[in-house]
C-alpha atoms as a PDB file:
ATOM      1  CA  MET A   1       5.410  92.570 -21.125  1.00  0.00           C
ATOM      2  CA  ASN A   2       4.764  95.783 -23.046  1.00  0.00           C
ATOM      3  CA  ILE A   3       4.446  99.216 -21.511  1.00  0.00           C
ATOM      4  CA  HIS A   4       1.341 101.314 -20.839  1.00  0.00           C
ATOM      5  CA  ARG A   5       2.034 104.262 -23.129  1.00  0.00           C
ATOM      6  CA  THR A   6      -1.540 105.609 -23.218  1.00  0.00           C
ATOM      7  CA  PRO A   7      -4.728 104.856 -21.259  1.00  0.00           C
ATOM      8  CA  PHE A   8      -6.386 103.931 -24.562  1.00  0.00           C
ATOM      9  CA  SER A   9      -4.059 101.107 -25.567  1.00  0.00           C
ATOM     10  CA  GLY A  10      -6.005  97.983 -26.451  1.00  0.00           C
ATOM     11  CA  ARG A  11      -3.986  95.599 -24.267  1.00  0.00           C
ATOM     12  CA  ASN A  12      -3.555  97.603 -21.056  1.00  0.00           C
ATOM     13  CA  GLY A  13      -5.637  94.990 -19.259  1.00  0.00           C
ATOM     14  CA  GLU A  14      -2.866  92.477 -19.974  1.00  0.00           C
ATOM     15  CA  TYR A  15       0.218  94.676 -19.649  1.00  0.00           C
ATOM     16  CA  TYR A  16       1.654  95.132 -16.187  1.00  0.00           C
ATOM     17  CA  SER A  17       2.489  98.810 -15.835  1.00  0.00           C
ATOM     18  CA  GLU A  18       3.747 102.064 -17.296  1.00  0.00           C
ATOM     19  CA  ASP A  19       6.933 101.471 -15.313  1.00  0.00           C
ATOM     20  CA  PRO A  20       9.493  99.121 -16.893  1.00  0.00           C
ATOM     21  CA  TYR A  21      11.106  98.022 -13.631  1.00  0.00           C
ATOM     22  CA  LEU A  22       7.750  97.140 -12.046  1.00  0.00           C
ATOM     23  CA  SER A  23       6.706  95.303 -15.208  1.00  0.00           C
ATOM     24  CA  GLY A  24       9.935  93.350 -15.284  1.00  0.00           C
ATOM     25  CA  THR A  25       9.795  92.515 -11.585  1.00  0.00           C
ATOM     26  CA  VAL A  26       6.267  91.104 -11.663  1.00  0.00           C
ATOM     27  CA  ALA A  27       6.736  89.304 -14.981  1.00  0.00           C
ATOM     28  CA  SER A  28      10.005  87.757 -13.810  1.00  0.00           C
ATOM     29  CA  GLN A  29       8.309  86.201 -10.813  1.00  0.00           C
ATOM     30  CA  GLN A  30       5.652  84.638 -13.017  1.00  0.00           C
ATOM     31  CA  VAL A  31       8.185  83.285 -15.497  1.00  0.00           C
ATOM     32  CA  TYR A  32      10.374  81.927 -12.711  1.00  0.00           C
ATOM     33  CA  GLY A  33       7.429  80.298 -10.943  1.00  0.00           C
ATOM     34  CA  ALA A  34       6.378  78.556 -14.156  1.00  0.00           C
ATOM     35  CA  ALA A  35       9.946  77.415 -14.800  1.00  0.00           C
ATOM     36  CA  THR A  36      10.175  75.742 -11.387  1.00  0.00           C
ATOM     37  CA  LYS A  37       7.294  73.519 -12.525  1.00  0.00           C
ATOM     38  CA  GLY A  38       8.964  72.688 -15.838  1.00  0.00           C
ATOM     39  CA  VAL A  39       6.917  75.117 -17.921  1.00  0.00           C
ATOM     40  CA  TYR A  40       8.441  77.489 -20.473  1.00  0.00           C
ATOM     41  CA  ALA A  41       6.393  80.709 -20.533  1.00  0.00           C
ATOM     42  CA  TYR A  42       6.363  82.851 -23.685  1.00  0.00           C
ATOM     43  CA  ILE A  43       7.067  86.492 -22.850  1.00  0.00           C
ATOM     44  CA  LYS A  44       5.557  88.858 -25.406  1.00  0.00           C
ATOM     45  CA  HIS A  45       5.382  90.952 -27.531  1.00  0.00           C
ATOM     46  CA  PHE A  46       9.072  91.361 -28.306  1.00  0.00           C
ATOM     47  CA  ALA A  47       9.226  94.300 -28.759  1.00  0.00           C
ATOM     48  CA  PHE A  48       7.722  97.826 -28.928  1.00  0.00           C
ATOM     49  CA  ASN A  49       4.132  96.620 -29.444  1.00  0.00           C
ATOM     50  CA  ASP A  50       2.622 100.032 -28.736  1.00  0.00           C
ATOM     51  CA  GLN A  51      -0.933  99.856 -30.090  1.00  0.00           C
ATOM     52  CA  GLU A  52      -3.569  97.361 -31.186  1.00  0.00           C
ATOM     53  CA  ASN A  53      -5.830  98.837 -33.857  1.00  0.00           C
ATOM     54  CA  HIS A  54      -3.361  98.474 -36.713  1.00  0.00           C
ATOM     55  CA  ARG A  55      -0.752  96.042 -35.493  1.00  0.00           C
ATOM     56  CA  GLY A  56      -0.677  94.044 -38.702  1.00  0.00           C
ATOM     57  CA  ASP A  57      -3.107  91.227 -37.943  1.00  0.00           C
ATOM     58  CA  ARG A  58      -5.013  91.618 -41.207  1.00  0.00           C
ATOM     59  CA  ASP A  59      -4.128  90.342 -44.660  1.00  0.00           C
ATOM     60  CA  GLY A  60      -1.720  92.760 -46.232  1.00  0.00           C
ATOM     61  CA  GLN A  61       1.145  94.919 -45.073  1.00  0.00           C
ATOM     62  CA  TYR A  62      -0.708  96.832 -42.369  1.00  0.00           C
ATOM     63  CA  GLY A  63       1.079  97.499 -39.106  1.00  0.00           C
ATOM     64  CA  LEU A  64       2.823 100.037 -36.942  1.00  0.00           C
ATOM     65  CA  ALA A  65       6.359 101.204 -37.705  1.00  0.00           C
ATOM     66  CA  THR A  66       7.968 102.191 -34.393  1.00  0.00           C
ATOM     67  CA  TRP A  67      10.717 104.785 -34.398  1.00  0.00           C
ATOM     68  CA  LEU A  68      12.690 105.352 -31.188  1.00  0.00           C
ATOM     69  CA  ASN A  69      16.205 105.996 -29.957  1.00  0.00           C
ATOM     70  CA  GLU A  70      18.396 103.420 -28.243  1.00  0.00           C
ATOM     71  CA  GLN A  71      18.105 105.007 -24.807  1.00  0.00           C
ATOM     72  CA  SER A  72      14.311 104.778 -24.665  1.00  0.00           C
ATOM     73  CA  ALA A  73      14.451 101.292 -26.190  1.00  0.00           C
ATOM     74  CA  ARG A  74      16.817  99.894 -23.582  1.00  0.00           C
ATOM     75  CA  GLN A  75      15.711 101.835 -20.494  1.00  0.00           C
ATOM     76  CA  ILE A  76      11.952 101.539 -21.018  1.00  0.00           C
ATOM     77  CA  TYR A  77      10.637  99.086 -23.587  1.00  0.00           C
ATOM     78  CA  LEU A  78      13.288  96.351 -23.502  1.00  0.00           C
ATOM     79  CA  LEU A  79      13.994  96.373 -19.769  1.00  0.00           C
ATOM     80  CA  PRO A  80      11.154  93.979 -18.739  1.00  0.00           C
ATOM     81  CA  PHE A  81      12.328  91.456 -21.350  1.00  0.00           C
ATOM     82  CA  GLU A  82      15.944  91.820 -20.248  1.00  0.00           C
ATOM     83  CA  MET A  83      15.001  91.228 -16.612  1.00  0.00           C
ATOM     84  CA  CYS A  84      13.173  88.024 -17.532  1.00  0.00           C
ATOM     85  CA  MET A  85      15.925  86.696 -19.773  1.00  0.00           C
ATOM     86  CA  LYS A  86      18.522  87.283 -17.055  1.00  0.00           C
ATOM     87  CA  LEU A  87      16.587  85.416 -14.367  1.00  0.00           C
ATOM     88  CA  ASP A  88      18.333  82.970 -12.068  1.00  0.00           C
ATOM     89  CA  ASP A  89      18.566  79.343 -13.051  1.00  0.00           C
ATOM     90  CA  VAL A  90      16.107  76.644 -12.016  1.00  0.00           C
ATOM     91  CA  GLU A  91      16.806  72.985 -11.308  1.00  0.00           C
ATOM     92  CA  LEU A  92      15.803  70.449 -13.925  1.00  0.00           C
ATOM     93  CA  ASN A  93      15.467  66.712 -13.250  1.00  0.00           C
ATOM     94  CA  TYR A  94      16.355  64.278 -16.006  1.00  0.00           C
ATOM     95  CA  LEU A  95      17.683  60.783 -16.682  1.00  0.00           C
ATOM     96  CA  VAL A  96      21.317  60.043 -17.488  1.00  0.00           C
ATOM     97  CA  GLN A  97      22.725  56.815 -18.904  1.00  0.00           C
ATOM     98  CA  LYS A  98      25.529  55.156 -16.926  1.00  0.00           C
ATOM     99  CA  ASP A  99      28.439  53.141 -18.314  1.00  0.00           C
ATOM    100  CA  ASP A 100      26.640  49.852 -17.680  1.00  0.00           C
ATOM    101  CA  GLY A 101      23.669  50.936 -19.806  1.00  0.00           C
ATOM    102  CA  SER A 102      21.303  51.585 -16.892  1.00  0.00           C
ATOM    103  CA  TYR A 103      19.816  54.988 -16.061  1.00  0.00           C
ATOM    104  CA  GLU A 104      19.768  57.133 -12.973  1.00  0.00           C
ATOM    105  CA  ASN A 105      18.175  60.422 -11.943  1.00  0.00           C
ATOM    106  CA  ALA A 106      20.249  63.558 -12.332  1.00  0.00           C
ATOM    107  CA  THR A 107      19.765  67.312 -12.048  1.00  0.00           C
ATOM    108  CA  ARG A 108      21.140  70.344 -13.817  1.00  0.00           C
ATOM    109  CA  GLN A 109      20.663  74.093 -13.774  1.00  0.00           C
ATOM    110  CA  ILE A 110      19.027  75.836 -16.736  1.00  0.00           C
ATOM    111  CA  ARG A 111      17.970  79.409 -17.441  1.00  0.00           C
ATOM    112  CA  ALA A 112      14.419  80.036 -16.197  1.00  0.00           C
ATOM    113  CA  CYS A 113      13.335  82.050 -19.238  1.00  0.00           C
ATOM    114  CA  GLN A 114      13.268  79.858 -22.346  1.00  0.00           C
ATOM    115  CA  ALA A 115      10.553  81.226 -24.667  1.00  0.00           C
ATOM    116  CA  VAL A 116       9.726  84.514 -26.403  1.00  0.00           C
ATOM    117  CA  MET A 117       6.966  85.665 -28.753  1.00  0.00           C
ATOM    118  CA  THR A 118       7.846  88.390 -31.228  1.00  0.00           C
ATOM    119  CA  ALA A 119       5.516  91.219 -32.215  1.00  0.00           C
ATOM    120  CA  PHE A 120       3.616  92.329 -35.334  1.00  0.00           C
ATOM    121  CA  ASN A 121       5.130  95.779 -35.551  1.00  0.00           C
ATOM    122  CA  ARG A 122       8.302  97.002 -37.180  1.00  0.00           C
ATOM    123  CA  ILE A 123      11.381  98.663 -35.724  1.00  0.00           C
ATOM    124  CA  GLY A 124      11.688 101.440 -38.234  1.00  0.00           C
ATOM    125  CA  TYR A 125      10.928  99.544 -41.415  1.00  0.00           C
ATOM    126  CA  THR A 126      12.070  96.073 -40.219  1.00  0.00           C
ATOM    127  CA  TRP A 127       9.560  93.578 -38.831  1.00  0.00           C
ATOM    128  CA  THR A 128      10.549  92.815 -35.233  1.00  0.00           C
ATOM    129  CA  GLY A 129      10.345  89.048 -35.760  1.00  0.00           C
ATOM    130  CA  GLY A 130      12.825  89.442 -38.604  1.00  0.00           C
ATOM    131  CA  SER A 131      15.202  91.869 -36.916  1.00  0.00           C
ATOM    132  CA  TYR A 132      18.674  90.374 -36.532  1.00  0.00           C
ATOM    133  CA  ALA A 133      19.743  93.299 -34.347  1.00  0.00           C
ATOM    134  CA  LEU A 134      16.914  92.601 -31.876  1.00  0.00           C
ATOM    135  CA  LEU A 135      16.680  88.802 -31.839  1.00  0.00           C
ATOM    136  CA  THR A 136      20.328  87.843 -32.210  1.00  0.00           C
ATOM    137  CA  GLY A 137      22.256  91.027 -31.495  1.00  0.00           C
ATOM    138  CA  ILE A 138      20.502  91.890 -28.229  1.00  0.00           C
ATOM    139  CA  ALA A 139      18.567  88.855 -26.956  1.00  0.00           C
ATOM    140  CA  ARG A 140      20.920  86.038 -27.909  1.00  0.00           C
ATOM    141  CA  ASN A 141      24.343  87.717 -27.945  1.00  0.00           C
ATOM    142  CA  GLU A 142      23.997  90.382 -25.231  1.00  0.00           C
ATOM    143  CA  TRP A 143      21.515  88.683 -22.892  1.00  0.00           C
ATOM    144  CA  ALA A 144      22.626  85.090 -23.616  1.00  0.00           C
ATOM    145  CA  PHE A 145      19.071  83.917 -24.344  1.00  0.00           C
ATOM    146  CA  GLN A 146      19.190  80.280 -25.496  1.00  0.00           C
ATOM    147  CA  GLY A 147      15.501  79.394 -25.838  1.00  0.00           C
ATOM    148  CA  MET A 148      13.114  79.506 -28.768  1.00  0.00           C
ATOM    149  CA  MET A 149      11.297  82.420 -30.341  1.00  0.00           C
ATOM    150  CA  ILE A 150       7.862  82.162 -31.930  1.00  0.00           C
ATOM    151  CA  THR A 151       6.031  84.760 -34.006  1.00  0.00           C
ATOM    152  CA  ASP A 152       2.681  86.258 -33.119  1.00  0.00           C
ATOM    153  CA  ASN A 153      -0.307  85.048 -35.159  1.00  0.00           C
ATOM    154  CA  ALA A 154       1.129  84.424 -38.616  1.00  0.00           C
ATOM    155  CA  ASN A 155      -2.145  83.397 -40.284  1.00  0.00           C
ATOM    156  CA  THR A 156      -2.576  86.937 -41.574  1.00  0.00           C
ATOM    157  CA  GLY A 157       0.957  88.301 -41.235  1.00  0.00           C
ATOM    158  CA  VAL A 158       1.831  88.497 -44.910  1.00  0.00           C
ATOM    159  CA  PHE A 159       5.078  90.313 -44.075  1.00  0.00           C
ATOM    160  CA  MET A 160       6.249  87.559 -41.691  1.00  0.00           C
ATOM    161  CA  ASP A 161       8.712  85.929 -44.059  1.00  0.00           C
ATOM    162  CA  GLY A 162       9.948  82.554 -42.825  1.00  0.00           C
ATOM    163  CA  TYR A 163      13.494  82.846 -44.102  1.00  0.00           C
ATOM    164  CA  GLN A 164      13.870  86.370 -42.723  1.00  0.00           C
ATOM    165  CA  MET A 165      12.723  85.017 -39.348  1.00  0.00           C
ATOM    166  CA  ILE A 166      15.240  82.159 -39.052  1.00  0.00           C
ATOM    167  CA  GLU A 167      18.067  84.304 -40.426  1.00  0.00           C
ATOM    168  CA  ALA A 168      17.336  86.906 -37.730  1.00  0.00           C
ATOM    169  CA  GLY A 169      17.346  84.294 -34.952  1.00  0.00           C
ATOM    170  CA  GLY A 170      13.663  83.350 -34.747  1.00  0.00           C
ATOM    171  CA  ASP A 171      12.543  79.728 -34.747  1.00  0.00           C
ATOM    172  CA  ILE A 172       8.861  78.952 -35.359  1.00  0.00           C
ATOM    173  CA  LYS A 173       5.725  80.613 -36.695  1.00  0.00           C
ATOM    174  CA  LEU A 174       2.407  80.681 -34.884  1.00  0.00           C
ATOM    175  CA  THR A 175       0.100  79.354 -37.580  1.00  0.00           C
ATOM    176  CA  TYR A 176      -2.009  76.326 -38.419  1.00  0.00           C
ATOM    177  CA  LEU A 177      -2.352  77.223 -42.109  1.00  0.00           C
ATOM    178  CA  GLU A 178       0.103  75.799 -44.611  1.00  0.00           C
ATOM    179  CA  ASP A 179      -0.137  78.869 -46.824  1.00  0.00           C
ATOM    180  CA  SER A 180       0.769  81.098 -43.875  1.00  0.00           C
ATOM    181  CA  ALA A 181       4.169  79.480 -43.469  1.00  0.00           C
ATOM    182  CA  ARG A 182       5.421  81.755 -46.262  1.00  0.00           C
ATOM    183  CA  PHE A 183       8.654  79.837 -46.370  1.00  0.00           C
ATOM    184  CA  ASP A 184       9.857  77.559 -49.155  1.00  0.00           C
ATOM    185  CA  PHE A 185      12.505  75.494 -47.406  1.00  0.00           C
ATOM    186  CA  ASP A 186      15.324  74.378 -49.682  1.00  0.00           C
ATOM    187  CA  GLN A 187      17.436  71.773 -47.917  1.00  0.00           C
ATOM    188  CA  ASP A 188      19.974  71.895 -50.720  1.00  0.00           C
ATOM    189  CA  ASP A 189      20.729  75.541 -50.029  1.00  0.00           C
ATOM    190  CA  VAL A 190      23.602  75.672 -47.533  1.00  0.00           C
ATOM    191  CA  THR A 191      22.570  78.962 -45.948  1.00  0.00           C
ATOM    192  CA  THR A 192      18.915  78.034 -45.548  1.00  0.00           C
ATOM    193  CA  TYR A 193      19.827  74.618 -44.161  1.00  0.00           C
ATOM    194  CA  HIS A 194      22.180  76.182 -41.607  1.00  0.00           C
ATOM    195  CA  TYR A 195      19.643  78.658 -40.210  1.00  0.00           C
ATOM    196  CA  ALA A 196      16.850  76.058 -40.186  1.00  0.00           C
ATOM    197  CA  ARG A 197      19.079  73.615 -38.329  1.00  0.00           C
ATOM    198  CA  GLU A 198      19.907  76.233 -35.713  1.00  0.00           C
ATOM    199  CA  ALA A 199      16.209  77.045 -35.298  1.00  0.00           C
ATOM    200  CA  MET A 200      15.302  73.380 -34.831  1.00  0.00           C
ATOM    201  CA  HIS A 201      18.134  72.966 -32.343  1.00  0.00           C
ATOM    202  CA  ARG A 202      16.740  75.781 -30.174  1.00  0.00           C
ATOM    203  CA  VAL A 203      13.204  74.366 -30.333  1.00  0.00           C
ATOM    204  CA  LEU A 204      14.379  70.889 -29.302  1.00  0.00           C
ATOM    205  CA  TYR A 205      16.582  72.357 -26.572  1.00  0.00           C
ATOM    206  CA  THR A 206      13.675  74.260 -25.059  1.00  0.00           C
ATOM    207  CA  VAL A 207      11.246  71.339 -25.140  1.00  0.00           C
ATOM    208  CA  ALA A 208      13.815  68.832 -23.872  1.00  0.00           C
ATOM    209  CA  ASN A 209      14.673  71.114 -20.956  1.00  0.00           C
ATOM    210  CA  SER A 210      11.083  71.210 -19.725  1.00  0.00           C
ATOM    211  CA  LYS A 211       8.598  68.815 -18.173  1.00  0.00           C
ATOM    212  CA  ALA A 212       7.092  68.157 -21.592  1.00  0.00           C
ATOM    213  CA  MET A 213       9.106  64.939 -21.792  1.00  0.00           C
ATOM    214  CA  LEU A 214       7.769  63.758 -18.406  1.00  0.00           C
ATOM    215  CA  GLY A 215      10.919  61.780 -17.680  1.00  0.00           C
ATOM    216  CA  ALA A 216      10.627  59.686 -20.836  1.00  0.00           C
ATOM    217  CA  MET A 217      13.388  57.148 -21.307  1.00  0.00           C
ATOM    218  CA  PRO A 218      15.641  57.292 -24.380  1.00  0.00           C
ATOM    219  CA  GLY A 219      14.095  55.248 -27.173  1.00  0.00           C
ATOM    220  CA  THR A 220      10.550  55.938 -26.015  1.00  0.00           C
ATOM    221  CA  ASP A 221       7.907  56.042 -28.750  1.00  0.00           C
ATOM    222  CA  PHE A 222       5.419  58.891 -28.469  1.00  0.00           C
ATOM    223  CA  GLU A 223       1.879  58.357 -29.685  1.00  0.00           C
ATOM    224  CA  ASN A 224      -0.596  61.091 -30.478  1.00  0.00           C
ATOM    225  CA  ALA A 225      -3.441  59.385 -28.639  1.00  0.00           C
ATOM    226  CA  MET A 226      -6.292  60.617 -26.468  1.00  0.00           C
ATOM    227  CA  ARG A 227      -5.265  60.838 -22.836  1.00  0.00           C
ATOM    228  CA  PHE A 228      -7.172  59.165 -20.013  1.00  0.00           C
ATOM    229  CA  THR A 229      -8.020  62.557 -18.510  1.00  0.00           C
ATOM    230  CA  THR A 230      -9.503  63.681 -21.847  1.00  0.00           C
ATOM    231  CA  LYS A 231     -11.616  60.529 -22.060  1.00  0.00           C
ATOM    232  CA  THR A 232     -12.818  61.129 -18.505  1.00  0.00           C
ATOM    233  CA  ILE A 233     -13.790  64.722 -19.281  1.00  0.00           C
ATOM    234  CA  ILE A 234     -15.703  63.630 -22.388  1.00  0.00           C
ATOM    235  CA  ALA A 235     -17.512  60.908 -20.420  1.00  0.00           C
ATOM    236  CA  VAL A 236     -18.479  63.382 -17.691  1.00  0.00           C
ATOM    237  CA  ASP A 237     -19.709  65.873 -20.320  1.00  0.00           C
ATOM    238  CA  VAL A 238     -21.851  63.222 -22.010  1.00  0.00           C
ATOM    239  CA  ILE A 239     -23.345  61.987 -18.728  1.00  0.00           C
ATOM    240  CA  CYS A 240     -24.071  65.516 -17.490  1.00  0.00           C
ATOM    241  CA  SER A 241     -25.626  66.466 -20.831  1.00  0.00           C
ATOM    242  CA  ALA A 242     -27.864  63.396 -20.714  1.00  0.00           C
ATOM    243  CA  LEU A 243     -28.916  64.228 -17.148  1.00  0.00           C
ATOM    244  CA  ILE A 244     -29.723  67.816 -18.125  1.00  0.00           C
ATOM    245  CA  VAL A 245     -31.872  66.621 -21.027  1.00  0.00           C
ATOM    246  CA  LEU A 246     -33.647  64.167 -18.700  1.00  0.00           C
ATOM    247  CA  LEU A 247     -34.306  66.898 -16.134  1.00  0.00           C
ATOM    248  CA  VAL A 248     -35.699  69.196 -18.822  1.00  0.00           C
ATOM    249  CA  VAL A 249     -38.049  66.461 -20.046  1.00  0.00           C
ATOM    250  CA  LEU A 250     -39.210  65.640 -16.519  1.00  0.00           C
ATOM    251  CA  THR A 251     -39.733  69.313 -15.719  1.00  0.00           C
ATOM    252  CA  ILE A 252     -41.834  69.835 -18.854  1.00  0.00           C
ATOM    253  CA  ARG A 253     -43.929  66.776 -18.090  1.00  0.00           C
ATOM    254  CA  ARG A 254     -44.436  67.895 -14.517  1.00  0.00           C
ATOM    255  CA  PHE A 255     -45.694  71.378 -15.305  1.00  0.00           C
ATOM    256  CA  ARG A 256     -47.495  70.635 -18.557  1.00  0.00           C
ATOM    257  CA  PRO A 257     -51.237  71.232 -18.172  1.00  0.00           C
ATOM    258  CA  ARG A 258     -53.152  67.987 -17.998  1.00  0.00           C
ATOM    259  CA  LYS A 259     -56.486  67.336 -19.675  1.00  0.00           C
ATOM    260  CA  LYS A 260     -59.413  67.204 -17.301  1.00  0.00           C
ATOM    261  CA  ARG A 261     -61.318  63.956 -17.193  1.00  0.00           C
ATOM    262  CA  GLN A 262     -64.917  64.125 -18.343  1.00  0.00           C
END
């Protein structure tokens, strides 16, 4: 979703264009198409991710500090994100409980764009994923974005403070390392509890308004078990591997020089 600012940018192969309207138009169609299938697509990197060599993905406080005026921010770099967040609604199918306790199919309209990934860089001296003005002031208040916001890779983002993130309007961190959470949650602190509750609400809202639930009935127990398709793929891999080994053995035996009989 970012803009081609120079031919030497490290992510030009993934960015759409140097033109914000073209970028927003193409990206919007992809986000909308995914939403019609019940998929929430993360649009990234929000925002002003202008270069790759020193974006802050190493241990420490490395990273780009972007300085720009409001006109260039809104007319160029934020426009593709705004176009996606203001997409038309899509129809969502779900189950609703009737007065007699039974359930029936129902539909509702939801915003197509429901997920955002923030960037490594800073706006001035403030990390974008911790910028209240960007996440809440613009995205949530001005553009009425209701979905969830995730950070970029937080394994090495030392500056990606968890409390700063949820206070600014972010929700989750992209990390699988406990130490990278960089957030000591204190449920007894009223302020921390409030922001964390709001973040969890947005995460649950986004997931519930997708096909992730697969029409599950209320009261359904979810198990973290291996799916049938995964078992099938593993079985096919094992069988194919065994066949390859067998073919290699047969090929070696076929072309191996044989001893001449005396």
